[in-house]
């Protein structure tokens, strides 16, 4: 990401994004092992 925030602050910002759940196209979920999982909400327009 290039964020200059400490990891604990960055993790809190990511959790806030997960809670608000307004990222276009993708849903974020926090998983065990300090992992973040991204899944598509619907089909994303690709080049084709």
ModelCIF file with pLDDT and N, C-alpha, C, O atoms, coordinates in Angstrom:
data_MODEL
#
_entry.id   MODEL 
#
_entity.id                         1 
_entity.type                       polymer 
_entity.pdbx_number_of_molecules   1 
#
_entity_poly.entity_id                      1 
_entity_poly.type                           'polypeptide(L)' 
_entity_poly.nstd_linkage                   no 
_entity_poly.nstd_monomer                   no 
_entity_poly.pdbx_seq_one_letter_code       
;(UNK)(UNK)(UNK)(UNK)(UNK)(UNK)(UNK)(UNK)(UNK)(UNK)(UNK)(UNK)(UNK)(UNK)(UNK)(UNK)
(UNK)(UNK)(UNK)(UNK)(UNK)(UNK)(UNK)(UNK)(UNK)(UNK)(UNK)(UNK)(UNK)(UNK)(UNK)(UNK)
(UNK)(UNK)(UNK)(UNK)(UNK)(UNK)(UNK)(UNK)(UNK)(UNK)(UNK)(UNK)(UNK)(UNK)(UNK)(UNK)
;
_entity_poly.pdbx_seq_one_letter_code_can   XXXXXXXXXXXXXXXXXXXXXXXXXXXXXXXXXXXXXXXXXXXXXXXX 
_entity_poly.pdbx_strand_id                 A 
#
loop_
_entity_poly_seq.entity_id 
_entity_poly_seq.num 
_entity_poly_seq.mon_id 
_entity_poly_seq.hetero 
1 1  UNK n 
1 2  UNK n 
1 3  UNK n 
1 4  UNK n 
1 5  UNK n 
1 6  UNK n 
1 7  UNK n 
1 8  UNK n 
1 9  UNK n 
1 10 UNK n 
1 11 UNK n 
1 12 UNK n 
1 13 UNK n 
1 14 UNK n 
1 15 UNK n 
1 16 UNK n 
1 17 UNK n 
1 18 UNK n 
1 19 UNK n 
1 20 UNK n 
1 21 UNK n 
1 22 UNK n 
1 23 UNK n 
1 24 UNK n 
1 25 UNK n 
1 26 UNK n 
1 27 UNK n 
1 28 UNK n 
1 29 UNK n 
1 30 UNK n 
1 31 UNK n 
1 32 UNK n 
1 33 UNK n 
1 34 UNK n 
1 35 UNK n 
1 36 UNK n 
1 37 UNK n 
1 38 UNK n 
1 39 UNK n 
1 40 UNK n 
1 41 UNK n 
1 42 UNK n 
1 43 UNK n 
1 44 UNK n 
1 45 UNK n 
1 46 UNK n 
1 47 UNK n 
1 48 UNK n 
#
_struct_asym.id          A 
_struct_asym.entity_id   1 
#
loop_
_ma_qa_metric.id 
_ma_qa_metric.mode 
_ma_qa_metric.name 
_ma_qa_metric.software_group_id 
_ma_qa_metric.type 
1 global pLDDT . pLDDT 
2 local  pLDDT . pLDDT 
#
_ma_qa_metric_global.metric_id      1 
_ma_qa_metric_global.metric_value   88.19 
_ma_qa_metric_global.model_id       1 
_ma_qa_metric_global.ordinal_id     1 
#
loop_
_ma_qa_metric_local.label_asym_id 
_ma_qa_metric_local.label_comp_id 
_ma_qa_metric_local.label_seq_id 
_ma_qa_metric_local.metric_id 
_ma_qa_metric_local.metric_value 
_ma_qa_metric_local.model_id 
_ma_qa_metric_local.ordinal_id 
A UNK 1  2 92.00 1 1  
A UNK 2  2 90.00 1 2  
A UNK 3  2 92.00 1 3  
A UNK 4  2 91.00 1 4  
A UNK 5  2 93.00 1 5  
A UNK 6  2 95.00 1 6  
A UNK 7  2 95.00 1 7  
A UNK 8  2 95.00 1 8  
A UNK 9  2 97.00 1 9  
A UNK 10 2 97.00 1 10 
A UNK 11 2 96.00 1 11 
A UNK 12 2 96.00 1 12 
A UNK 13 2 97.00 1 13 
A UNK 14 2 97.00 1 14 
A UNK 15 2 96.00 1 15 
A UNK 16 2 96.00 1 16 
A UNK 17 2 96.00 1 17 
A UNK 18 2 96.00 1 18 
A UNK 19 2 95.00 1 19 
A UNK 20 2 94.00 1 20 
A UNK 21 2 93.00 1 21 
A UNK 22 2 92.00 1 22 
A UNK 23 2 93.00 1 23 
A UNK 24 2 90.00 1 24 
A UNK 25 2 88.00 1 25 
A UNK 26 2 92.00 1 26 
A UNK 27 2 93.00 1 27 
A UNK 28 2 95.00 1 28 
A UNK 29 2 95.00 1 29 
A UNK 30 2 95.00 1 30 
A UNK 31 2 95.00 1 31 
A UNK 32 2 93.00 1 32 
A UNK 33 2 93.00 1 33 
A UNK 34 2 94.00 1 34 
A UNK 35 2 96.00 1 35 
A UNK 36 2 96.00 1 36 
A UNK 37 2 95.00 1 37 
A UNK 38 2 95.00 1 38 
A UNK 39 2 92.00 1 39 
A UNK 40 2 87.00 1 40 
A UNK 41 2 83.00 1 41 
A UNK 42 2 70.00 1 42 
A UNK 43 2 56.00 1 43 
A UNK 44 2 53.00 1 44 
A UNK 45 2 51.00 1 45 
A UNK 46 2 53.00 1 46 
A UNK 47 2 53.00 1 47 
A UNK 48 2 56.00 1 48 
#
loop_
_atom_site.group_PDB 
_atom_site.id 
_atom_site.type_symbol 
_atom_site.label_atom_id 
_atom_site.label_alt_id 
_atom_site.label_comp_id 
_atom_site.label_asym_id 
_atom_site.label_entity_id 
_atom_site.label_seq_id 
_atom_site.pdbx_PDB_ins_code 
_atom_site.Cartn_x 
_atom_site.Cartn_y 
_atom_site.Cartn_z 
_atom_site.occupancy 
_atom_site.B_iso_or_equiv 
_atom_site.pdbx_formal_charge 
_atom_site.auth_seq_id 
_atom_site.auth_comp_id 
_atom_site.auth_asym_id 
_atom_site.auth_atom_id 
_atom_site.pdbx_PDB_model_num 
ATOM 1   N N  . UNK A 1 1  ? 0.812   -1.215  0.000   1.00 92.00 ? 1  UNK A N  1 
ATOM 2   C CA . UNK A 1 1  ? 0.000   0.000   0.000   1.00 92.00 ? 1  UNK A CA 1 
ATOM 3   C C  . UNK A 1 1  ? 0.846   1.266   0.000   1.00 92.00 ? 1  UNK A C  1 
ATOM 4   O O  . UNK A 1 1  ? 0.423   2.305   -0.507  1.00 92.00 ? 1  UNK A O  1 
ATOM 5   N N  . UNK A 1 2  ? 2.053   1.170   0.578   1.00 90.00 ? 2  UNK A N  1 
ATOM 6   C CA . UNK A 1 2  ? 2.880   2.359   0.700   1.00 90.00 ? 2  UNK A CA 1 
ATOM 7   C C  . UNK A 1 2  ? 2.499   3.224   1.883   1.00 90.00 ? 2  UNK A C  1 
ATOM 8   O O  . UNK A 1 2  ? 2.980   4.350   2.005   1.00 90.00 ? 2  UNK A O  1 
ATOM 9   N N  . UNK A 1 3  ? 1.642   2.716   2.757   1.00 92.00 ? 3  UNK A N  1 
ATOM 10  C CA . UNK A 1 3  ? 1.231   3.480   3.927   1.00 92.00 ? 3  UNK A CA 1 
ATOM 11  C C  . UNK A 1 3  ? 2.400   3.656   4.887   1.00 92.00 ? 3  UNK A C  1 
ATOM 12  O O  . UNK A 1 3  ? 3.205   2.744   5.078   1.00 92.00 ? 3  UNK A O  1 
ATOM 13  N N  . UNK A 1 4  ? 2.486   4.855   5.496   1.00 91.00 ? 4  UNK A N  1 
ATOM 14  C CA . UNK A 1 4  ? 3.532   5.135   6.474   1.00 91.00 ? 4  UNK A CA 1 
ATOM 15  C C  . UNK A 1 4  ? 3.075   4.838   7.899   1.00 91.00 ? 4  UNK A C  1 
ATOM 16  O O  . UNK A 1 4  ? 3.819   5.087   8.847   1.00 91.00 ? 4  UNK A O  1 
ATOM 17  N N  . UNK A 1 5  ? 1.873   4.315   8.062   1.00 93.00 ? 5  UNK A N  1 
ATOM 18  C CA . UNK A 1 5  ? 1.328   4.041   9.389   1.00 93.00 ? 5  UNK A CA 1 
ATOM 19  C C  . UNK A 1 5  ? 1.952   2.786   9.993   1.00 93.00 ? 5  UNK A C  1 
ATOM 20  O O  . UNK A 1 5  ? 2.299   1.859   9.261   1.00 93.00 ? 5  UNK A O  1 
ATOM 21  N N  . UNK A 1 6  ? 2.103   2.742   11.335  1.00 95.00 ? 6  UNK A N  1 
ATOM 22  C CA . UNK A 1 6  ? 2.540   1.508   11.998  1.00 95.00 ? 6  UNK A CA 1 
ATOM 23  C C  . UNK A 1 6  ? 1.542   0.382   11.724  1.00 95.00 ? 6  UNK A C  1 
ATOM 24  O O  . UNK A 1 6  ? 0.379   0.633   11.407  1.00 95.00 ? 6  UNK A O  1 
ATOM 25  N N  . UNK A 1 7  ? 2.010   -0.858  11.850  1.00 95.00 ? 7  UNK A N  1 
ATOM 26  C CA . UNK A 1 7  ? 1.153   -1.983  11.494  1.00 95.00 ? 7  UNK A CA 1 
ATOM 27  C C  . UNK A 1 7  ? -0.144  -2.007  12.294  1.00 95.00 ? 7  UNK A C  1 
ATOM 28  O O  . UNK A 1 7  ? -1.201  -2.308  11.740  1.00 95.00 ? 7  UNK A O  1 
ATOM 29  N N  . UNK A 1 8  ? -0.082  -1.696  13.583  1.00 95.00 ? 8  UNK A N  1 
ATOM 30  C CA . UNK A 1 8  ? -1.297  -1.754  14.406  1.00 95.00 ? 8  UNK A CA 1 
ATOM 31  C C  . UNK A 1 8  ? -2.312  -0.690  13.961  1.00 95.00 ? 8  UNK A C  1 
ATOM 32  O O  . UNK A 1 8  ? -3.519  -0.935  13.975  1.00 95.00 ? 8  UNK A O  1 
ATOM 33  N N  . UNK A 1 9  ? -1.816  0.484   13.569  1.00 97.00 ? 9  UNK A N  1 
ATOM 34  C CA . UNK A 1 9  ? -2.710  1.540   13.078  1.00 97.00 ? 9  UNK A CA 1 
ATOM 35  C C  . UNK A 1 9  ? -3.272  1.149   11.717  1.00 97.00 ? 9  UNK A C  1 
ATOM 36  O O  . UNK A 1 9  ? -4.456  1.352   11.449  1.00 97.00 ? 9  UNK A O  1 
ATOM 37  N N  . UNK A 1 10 ? -2.427  0.591   10.861  1.00 97.00 ? 10 UNK A N  1 
ATOM 38  C CA . UNK A 1 10 ? -2.858  0.141   9.543   1.00 97.00 ? 10 UNK A CA 1 
ATOM 39  C C  . UNK A 1 10 ? -3.923  -0.938  9.676   1.00 97.00 ? 10 UNK A C  1 
ATOM 40  O O  . UNK A 1 10 ? -4.924  -0.914  8.960   1.00 97.00 ? 10 UNK A O  1 
ATOM 41  N N  . UNK A 1 11 ? -3.712  -1.888  10.589  1.00 96.00 ? 11 UNK A N  1 
ATOM 42  C CA . UNK A 1 11 ? -4.677  -2.963  10.792  1.00 96.00 ? 11 UNK A CA 1 
ATOM 43  C C  . UNK A 1 11 ? -6.027  -2.384  11.221  1.00 96.00 ? 11 UNK A C  1 
ATOM 44  O O  . UNK A 1 11 ? -7.073  -2.851  10.769  1.00 96.00 ? 11 UNK A O  1 
ATOM 45  N N  . UNK A 1 12 ? -6.010  -1.370  12.089  1.00 96.00 ? 12 UNK A N  1 
ATOM 46  C CA . UNK A 1 12 ? -7.253  -0.728  12.531  1.00 96.00 ? 12 UNK A CA 1 
ATOM 47  C C  . UNK A 1 12 ? -7.958  -0.059  11.350  1.00 96.00 ? 12 UNK A C  1 
ATOM 48  O O  . UNK A 1 12 ? -9.182  -0.136  11.245  1.00 96.00 ? 12 UNK A O  1 
ATOM 49  N N  . UNK A 1 13 ? -7.222  0.585   10.475  1.00 97.00 ? 13 UNK A N  1 
ATOM 50  C CA . UNK A 1 13 ? -7.841  1.226   9.308   1.00 97.00 ? 13 UNK A CA 1 
ATOM 51  C C  . UNK A 1 13 ? -8.456  0.185   8.376   1.00 97.00 ? 13 UNK A C  1 
ATOM 52  O O  . UNK A 1 13 ? -9.526  0.410   7.809   1.00 97.00 ? 13 UNK A O  1 
ATOM 53  N N  . UNK A 1 14 ? -7.781  -0.949  8.218   1.00 97.00 ? 14 UNK A N  1 
ATOM 54  C CA . UNK A 1 14 ? -8.327  -2.033  7.398   1.00 97.00 ? 14 UNK A CA 1 
ATOM 55  C C  . UNK A 1 14 ? -9.604  -2.577  8.024   1.00 97.00 ? 14 UNK A C  1 
ATOM 56  O O  . UNK A 1 14 ? -10.575 -2.849  7.318   1.00 97.00 ? 14 UNK A O  1 
ATOM 57  N N  . UNK A 1 15 ? -9.610  -2.737  9.340   1.00 96.00 ? 15 UNK A N  1 
ATOM 58  C CA . UNK A 1 15 ? -10.827 -3.215  10.020  1.00 96.00 ? 15 UNK A CA 1 
ATOM 59  C C  . UNK A 1 15 ? -11.976 -2.227  9.871   1.00 96.00 ? 15 UNK A C  1 
ATOM 60  O O  . UNK A 1 15 ? -13.133 -2.631  9.753   1.00 96.00 ? 15 UNK A O  1 
ATOM 61  N N  . UNK A 1 16 ? -11.665 -0.948  9.876   1.00 96.00 ? 16 UNK A N  1 
ATOM 62  C CA . UNK A 1 16 ? -12.705 0.060   9.647   1.00 96.00 ? 16 UNK A CA 1 
ATOM 63  C C  . UNK A 1 16 ? -13.282 -0.074  8.240   1.00 96.00 ? 16 UNK A C  1 
ATOM 64  O O  . UNK A 1 16 ? -14.486 0.083   8.040   1.00 96.00 ? 16 UNK A O  1 
ATOM 65  N N  . UNK A 1 17 ? -12.418 -0.366  7.266   1.00 96.00 ? 17 UNK A N  1 
ATOM 66  C CA . UNK A 1 17 ? -12.893 -0.560  5.895   1.00 96.00 ? 17 UNK A CA 1 
ATOM 67  C C  . UNK A 1 17 ? -13.772 -1.804  5.793   1.00 96.00 ? 17 UNK A C  1 
ATOM 68  O O  . UNK A 1 17 ? -14.776 -1.809  5.081   1.00 96.00 ? 17 UNK A O  1 
ATOM 69  N N  . UNK A 1 18 ? -13.387 -2.850  6.506   1.00 96.00 ? 18 UNK A N  1 
ATOM 70  C CA . UNK A 1 18 ? -14.191 -4.081  6.515   1.00 96.00 ? 18 UNK A CA 1 
ATOM 71  C C  . UNK A 1 18 ? -15.572 -3.803  7.101   1.00 96.00 ? 18 UNK A C  1 
ATOM 72  O O  . UNK A 1 18 ? -16.580 -4.296  6.594   1.00 96.00 ? 18 UNK A O  1 
ATOM 73  N N  . UNK A 1 19 ? -15.612 -3.008  8.173   1.00 95.00 ? 19 UNK A N  1 
ATOM 74  C CA . UNK A 1 19 ? -16.888 -2.714  8.831   1.00 95.00 ? 19 UNK A CA 1 
ATOM 75  C C  . UNK A 1 19 ? -17.789 -1.851  7.958   1.00 95.00 ? 19 UNK A C  1 
ATOM 76  O O  . UNK A 1 19 ? -18.992 -2.098  7.874   1.00 95.00 ? 19 UNK A O  1 
ATOM 77  N N  . UNK A 1 20 ? -17.216 -0.839  7.307   1.00 94.00 ? 20 UNK A N  1 
ATOM 78  C CA . UNK A 1 20 ? -18.037 0.042   6.464   1.00 94.00 ? 20 UNK A CA 1 
ATOM 79  C C  . UNK A 1 20 ? -18.460 -0.662  5.174   1.00 94.00 ? 20 UNK A C  1 
ATOM 80  O O  . UNK A 1 20 ? -19.549 -0.411  4.657   1.00 94.00 ? 20 UNK A O  1 
ATOM 81  N N  . UNK A 1 21 ? -17.597 -1.548  4.654   1.00 93.00 ? 21 UNK A N  1 
ATOM 82  C CA . UNK A 1 21 ? -17.925 -2.394  3.508   1.00 93.00 ? 21 UNK A CA 1 
ATOM 83  C C  . UNK A 1 21 ? -18.434 -1.600  2.301   1.00 93.00 ? 21 UNK A C  1 
ATOM 84  O O  . UNK A 1 21 ? -19.466 -1.936  1.720   1.00 93.00 ? 21 UNK A O  1 
ATOM 85  N N  . UNK A 1 22 ? -17.713 -0.562  1.935   1.00 92.00 ? 22 UNK A N  1 
ATOM 86  C CA . UNK A 1 22 ? -18.146 0.241   0.790   1.00 92.00 ? 22 UNK A CA 1 
ATOM 87  C C  . UNK A 1 22 ? -17.128 0.240   -0.343  1.00 92.00 ? 22 UNK A C  1 
ATOM 88  O O  . UNK A 1 22 ? -17.229 1.056   -1.260  1.00 92.00 ? 22 UNK A O  1 
ATOM 89  N N  . UNK A 1 23 ? -16.151 -0.661  -0.295  1.00 93.00 ? 23 UNK A N  1 
ATOM 90  C CA . UNK A 1 23 ? -15.161 -0.721  -1.370  1.00 93.00 ? 23 UNK A CA 1 
ATOM 91  C C  . UNK A 1 23 ? -15.841 -1.180  -2.660  1.00 93.00 ? 23 UNK A C  1 
ATOM 92  O O  . UNK A 1 23 ? -16.494 -2.224  -2.659  1.00 93.00 ? 23 UNK A O  1 
ATOM 93  N N  . UNK A 1 24 ? -15.709 -0.437  -3.754  1.00 90.00 ? 24 UNK A N  1 
ATOM 94  C CA . UNK A 1 24 ? -16.351 -0.865  -5.008  1.00 90.00 ? 24 UNK A CA 1 
ATOM 95  C C  . UNK A 1 24 ? -15.836 -2.229  -5.462  1.00 90.00 ? 24 UNK A C  1 
ATOM 96  O O  . UNK A 1 24 ? -14.646 -2.522  -5.343  1.00 90.00 ? 24 UNK A O  1 
ATOM 97  N N  . UNK A 1 25 ? -16.726 -3.047  -5.974  1.00 88.00 ? 25 UNK A N  1 
ATOM 98  C CA . UNK A 1 25 ? -16.416 -4.327  -6.623  1.00 88.00 ? 25 UNK A CA 1 
ATOM 99  C C  . UNK A 1 25 ? -16.000 -5.453  -5.674  1.00 88.00 ? 25 UNK A C  1 
ATOM 100 O O  . UNK A 1 25 ? -16.210 -6.624  -5.991  1.00 88.00 ? 25 UNK A O  1 
ATOM 101 N N  . UNK A 1 26 ? -15.415 -5.126  -4.518  1.00 92.00 ? 26 UNK A N  1 
ATOM 102 C CA . UNK A 1 26 ? -14.821 -6.158  -3.669  1.00 92.00 ? 26 UNK A CA 1 
ATOM 103 C C  . UNK A 1 26 ? -15.298 -6.064  -2.223  1.00 92.00 ? 26 UNK A C  1 
ATOM 104 O O  . UNK A 1 26 ? -15.570 -4.983  -1.701  1.00 92.00 ? 26 UNK A O  1 
ATOM 105 N N  . UNK A 1 27 ? -15.388 -7.237  -1.597  1.00 93.00 ? 27 UNK A N  1 
ATOM 106 C CA . UNK A 1 27 ? -15.704 -7.325  -0.169  1.00 93.00 ? 27 UNK A CA 1 
ATOM 107 C C  . UNK A 1 27 ? -14.460 -7.814  0.561   1.00 93.00 ? 27 UNK A C  1 
ATOM 108 O O  . UNK A 1 27 ? -13.759 -8.698  0.069   1.00 93.00 ? 27 UNK A O  1 
ATOM 109 N N  . UNK A 1 28 ? -14.187 -7.256  1.711   1.00 95.00 ? 28 UNK A N  1 
ATOM 110 C CA . UNK A 1 28 ? -13.017 -7.613  2.505   1.00 95.00 ? 28 UNK A CA 1 
ATOM 111 C C  . UNK A 1 28 ? -13.449 -8.356  3.768   1.00 95.00 ? 28 UNK A C  1 
ATOM 112 O O  . UNK A 1 28 ? -14.445 -8.004  4.400   1.00 95.00 ? 28 UNK A O  1 
ATOM 113 N N  . UNK A 1 29 ? -12.686 -9.384  4.122   1.00 95.00 ? 29 UNK A N  1 
ATOM 114 C CA . UNK A 1 29 ? -12.946 -10.176 5.328   1.00 95.00 ? 29 UNK A CA 1 
ATOM 115 C C  . UNK A 1 29 ? -11.620 -10.445 6.020   1.00 95.00 ? 29 UNK A C  1 
ATOM 116 O O  . UNK A 1 29 ? -10.637 -10.789 5.365   1.00 95.00 ? 29 UNK A O  1 
ATOM 117 N N  . UNK A 1 30 ? -11.586 -10.291 7.338   1.00 95.00 ? 30 UNK A N  1 
ATOM 118 C CA . UNK A 1 30 ? -10.390 -10.628 8.110   1.00 95.00 ? 30 UNK A CA 1 
ATOM 119 C C  . UNK A 1 30 ? -10.443 -12.085 8.524   1.00 95.00 ? 30 UNK A C  1 
ATOM 120 O O  . UNK A 1 30 ? -11.472 -12.559 9.004   1.00 95.00 ? 30 UNK A O  1 
ATOM 121 N N  . UNK A 1 31 ? -9.326  -12.807 8.340   1.00 95.00 ? 31 UNK A N  1 
ATOM 122 C CA . UNK A 1 31 ? -9.271  -14.224 8.673   1.00 95.00 ? 31 UNK A CA 1 
ATOM 123 C C  . UNK A 1 31 ? -8.159  -14.494 9.680   1.00 95.00 ? 31 UNK A C  1 
ATOM 124 O O  . UNK A 1 31 ? -7.311  -13.642 9.947   1.00 95.00 ? 31 UNK A O  1 
ATOM 125 N N  . UNK A 1 32 ? -8.189  -15.698 10.227  1.00 93.00 ? 32 UNK A N  1 
ATOM 126 C CA . UNK A 1 32 ? -7.159  -16.113 11.191  1.00 93.00 ? 32 UNK A CA 1 
ATOM 127 C C  . UNK A 1 32 ? -5.785  -16.059 10.538  1.00 93.00 ? 32 UNK A C  1 
ATOM 128 O O  . UNK A 1 32 ? -5.645  -16.287 9.336   1.00 93.00 ? 32 UNK A O  1 
ATOM 129 N N  . UNK A 1 33 ? -4.776  -15.755 11.344  1.00 93.00 ? 33 UNK A N  1 
ATOM 130 C CA . UNK A 1 33 ? -3.414  -15.692 10.837  1.00 93.00 ? 33 UNK A CA 1 
ATOM 131 C C  . UNK A 1 33 ? -3.052  -14.324 10.306  1.00 93.00 ? 33 UNK A C  1 
ATOM 132 O O  . UNK A 1 33 ? -2.099  -14.181 9.539   1.00 93.00 ? 33 UNK A O  1 
ATOM 133 N N  . UNK A 1 34 ? -3.817  -13.306 10.715  1.00 94.00 ? 34 UNK A N  1 
ATOM 134 C CA . UNK A 1 34 ? -3.553  -11.928 10.287  1.00 94.00 ? 34 UNK A CA 1 
ATOM 135 C C  . UNK A 1 34 ? -3.627  -11.800 8.776   1.00 94.00 ? 34 UNK A C  1 
ATOM 136 O O  . UNK A 1 34 ? -2.784  -11.157 8.150   1.00 94.00 ? 34 UNK A O  1 
ATOM 137 N N  . UNK A 1 35 ? -4.660  -12.428 8.191   1.00 96.00 ? 35 UNK A N  1 
ATOM 138 C CA . UNK A 1 35 ? -4.868  -12.406 6.742   1.00 96.00 ? 35 UNK A CA 1 
ATOM 139 C C  . UNK A 1 35 ? -6.109  -11.595 6.394   1.00 96.00 ? 35 UNK A C  1 
ATOM 140 O O  . UNK A 1 35 ? -7.053  -11.510 7.179   1.00 96.00 ? 35 UNK A O  1 
ATOM 141 N N  . UNK A 1 36 ? -6.092  -11.006 5.212   1.00 96.00 ? 36 UNK A N  1 
ATOM 142 C CA . UNK A 1 36 ? -7.253  -10.313 4.671   1.00 96.00 ? 36 UNK A CA 1 
ATOM 143 C C  . UNK A 1 36 ? -7.642  -11.012 3.377   1.00 96.00 ? 36 UNK A C  1 
ATOM 144 O O  . UNK A 1 36 ? -6.805  -11.249 2.506   1.00 96.00 ? 36 UNK A O  1 
ATOM 145 N N  . UNK A 1 37 ? -8.918  -11.335 3.264   1.00 95.00 ? 37 UNK A N  1 
ATOM 146 C CA . UNK A 1 37 ? -9.416  -11.995 2.059   1.00 95.00 ? 37 UNK A CA 1 
ATOM 147 C C  . UNK A 1 37 ? -10.316 -11.023 1.290   1.00 95.00 ? 37 UNK A C  1 
ATOM 148 O O  . UNK A 1 37 ? -11.225 -10.413 1.852   1.00 95.00 ? 37 UNK A O  1 
ATOM 149 N N  . UNK A 1 38 ? -10.036 -10.899 -0.011  1.00 95.00 ? 38 UNK A N  1 
ATOM 150 C CA . UNK A 1 38 ? -10.844 -10.068 -0.897  1.00 95.00 ? 38 UNK A CA 1 
ATOM 151 C C  . UNK A 1 38 ? -11.652 -10.987 -1.810  1.00 95.00 ? 38 UNK A C  1 
ATOM 152 O O  . UNK A 1 38 ? -11.104 -11.922 -2.394  1.00 95.00 ? 38 UNK A O  1 
ATOM 153 N N  . UNK A 1 39 ? -12.939 -10.728 -1.933  1.00 92.00 ? 39 UNK A N  1 
ATOM 154 C CA . UNK A 1 39 ? -13.790 -11.472 -2.871  1.00 92.00 ? 39 UNK A CA 1 
ATOM 155 C C  . UNK A 1 39 ? -14.571 -10.470 -3.721  1.00 92.00 ? 39 UNK A C  1 
ATOM 156 O O  . UNK A 1 39 ? -14.858 -9.356  -3.284  1.00 92.00 ? 39 UNK A O  1 
ATOM 157 N N  . UNK A 1 40 ? -14.903 -10.882 -4.927  1.00 87.00 ? 40 UNK A N  1 
ATOM 158 C CA . UNK A 1 40 ? -15.628 -10.004 -5.839  1.00 87.00 ? 40 UNK A CA 1 
ATOM 159 C C  . UNK A 1 40 ? -17.110 -9.960  -5.475  1.00 87.00 ? 40 UNK A C  1 
ATOM 160 O O  . UNK A 1 40 ? -17.723 -10.987 -5.183  1.00 87.00 ? 40 UNK A O  1 
ATOM 161 N N  . UNK A 1 41 ? -17.670 -8.762  -5.498  1.00 83.00 ? 41 UNK A N  1 
ATOM 162 C CA . UNK A 1 41 ? -19.113 -8.626  -5.263  1.00 83.00 ? 41 UNK A CA 1 
ATOM 163 C C  . UNK A 1 41 ? -19.895 -9.136  -6.474  1.00 83.00 ? 41 UNK A C  1 
ATOM 164 O O  . UNK A 1 41 ? -20.908 -9.819  -6.324  1.00 83.00 ? 41 UNK A O  1 
ATOM 165 N N  . UNK A 1 42 ? -19.426 -8.803  -7.653  1.00 70.00 ? 42 UNK A N  1 
ATOM 166 C CA . UNK A 1 42 ? -20.071 -9.209  -8.907  1.00 70.00 ? 42 UNK A CA 1 
ATOM 167 C C  . UNK A 1 42 ? -18.996 -9.223  -9.966  1.00 70.00 ? 42 UNK A C  1 
ATOM 168 O O  . UNK A 1 42 ? -17.828 -8.961  -9.682  1.00 70.00 ? 42 UNK A O  1 
ATOM 169 N N  . UNK A 1 43 ? -19.385 -9.527  -11.173 1.00 56.00 ? 43 UNK A N  1 
ATOM 170 C CA . UNK A 1 43 ? -18.427 -9.590  -12.265 1.00 56.00 ? 43 UNK A CA 1 
ATOM 171 C C  . UNK A 1 43 ? -17.803 -8.225  -12.500 1.00 56.00 ? 43 UNK A C  1 
ATOM 172 O O  . UNK A 1 43 ? -18.521 -7.242  -12.684 1.00 56.00 ? 43 UNK A O  1 
ATOM 173 N N  . UNK A 1 44 ? -16.488 -8.149  -12.497 1.00 53.00 ? 44 UNK A N  1 
ATOM 174 C CA . UNK A 1 44 ? -15.780 -6.917  -12.788 1.00 53.00 ? 44 UNK A CA 1 
ATOM 175 C C  . UNK A 1 44 ? -15.558 -6.819  -14.283 1.00 53.00 ? 44 UNK A C  1 
ATOM 176 O O  . UNK A 1 44 ? -15.194 -7.803  -14.927 1.00 53.00 ? 44 UNK A O  1 
ATOM 177 N N  . UNK A 1 45 ? -15.777 -5.629  -14.840 1.00 51.00 ? 45 UNK A N  1 
ATOM 178 C CA . UNK A 1 45 ? -15.559 -5.446  -16.279 1.00 51.00 ? 45 UNK A CA 1 
ATOM 179 C C  . UNK A 1 45 ? -14.094 -5.669  -16.590 1.00 51.00 ? 45 UNK A C  1 
ATOM 180 O O  . UNK A 1 45 ? -13.228 -5.010  -16.017 1.00 51.00 ? 45 UNK A O  1 
ATOM 181 N N  . UNK A 1 46 ? -13.811 -6.593  -17.491 1.00 53.00 ? 46 UNK A N  1 
ATOM 182 C CA . UNK A 1 46 ? -12.420 -6.806  -17.877 1.00 53.00 ? 46 UNK A CA 1 
ATOM 183 C C  . UNK A 1 46 ? -12.246 -6.463  -19.336 1.00 53.00 ? 46 UNK A C  1 
ATOM 184 O O  . UNK A 1 46 ? -13.189 -6.056  -20.015 1.00 53.00 ? 46 UNK A O  1 
ATOM 185 N N  . UNK A 1 47 ? -11.038 -6.631  -19.803 1.00 53.00 ? 47 UNK A N  1 
ATOM 186 C CA . UNK A 1 47 ? -10.736 -6.122  -21.127 1.00 53.00 ? 47 UNK A CA 1 
ATOM 187 C C  . UNK A 1 47 ? -11.520 -6.827  -22.225 1.00 53.00 ? 47 UNK A C  1 
ATOM 188 O O  . UNK A 1 47 ? -12.300 -6.182  -22.927 1.00 53.00 ? 47 UNK A O  1 
ATOM 189 N N  . UNK A 1 48 ? -11.334 -8.151  -22.395 1.00 56.00 ? 48 UNK A N  1 
ATOM 190 C CA . UNK A 1 48 ? -12.049 -8.871  -23.412 1.00 56.00 ? 48 UNK A CA 1 
ATOM 191 C C  . UNK A 1 48 ? -11.777 -8.321  -24.799 1.00 56.00 ? 48 UNK A C  1 
ATOM 192 O O  . UNK A 1 48 ? -12.316 -8.830  -25.782 1.00 56.00 ? 48 UNK A O  1 
#
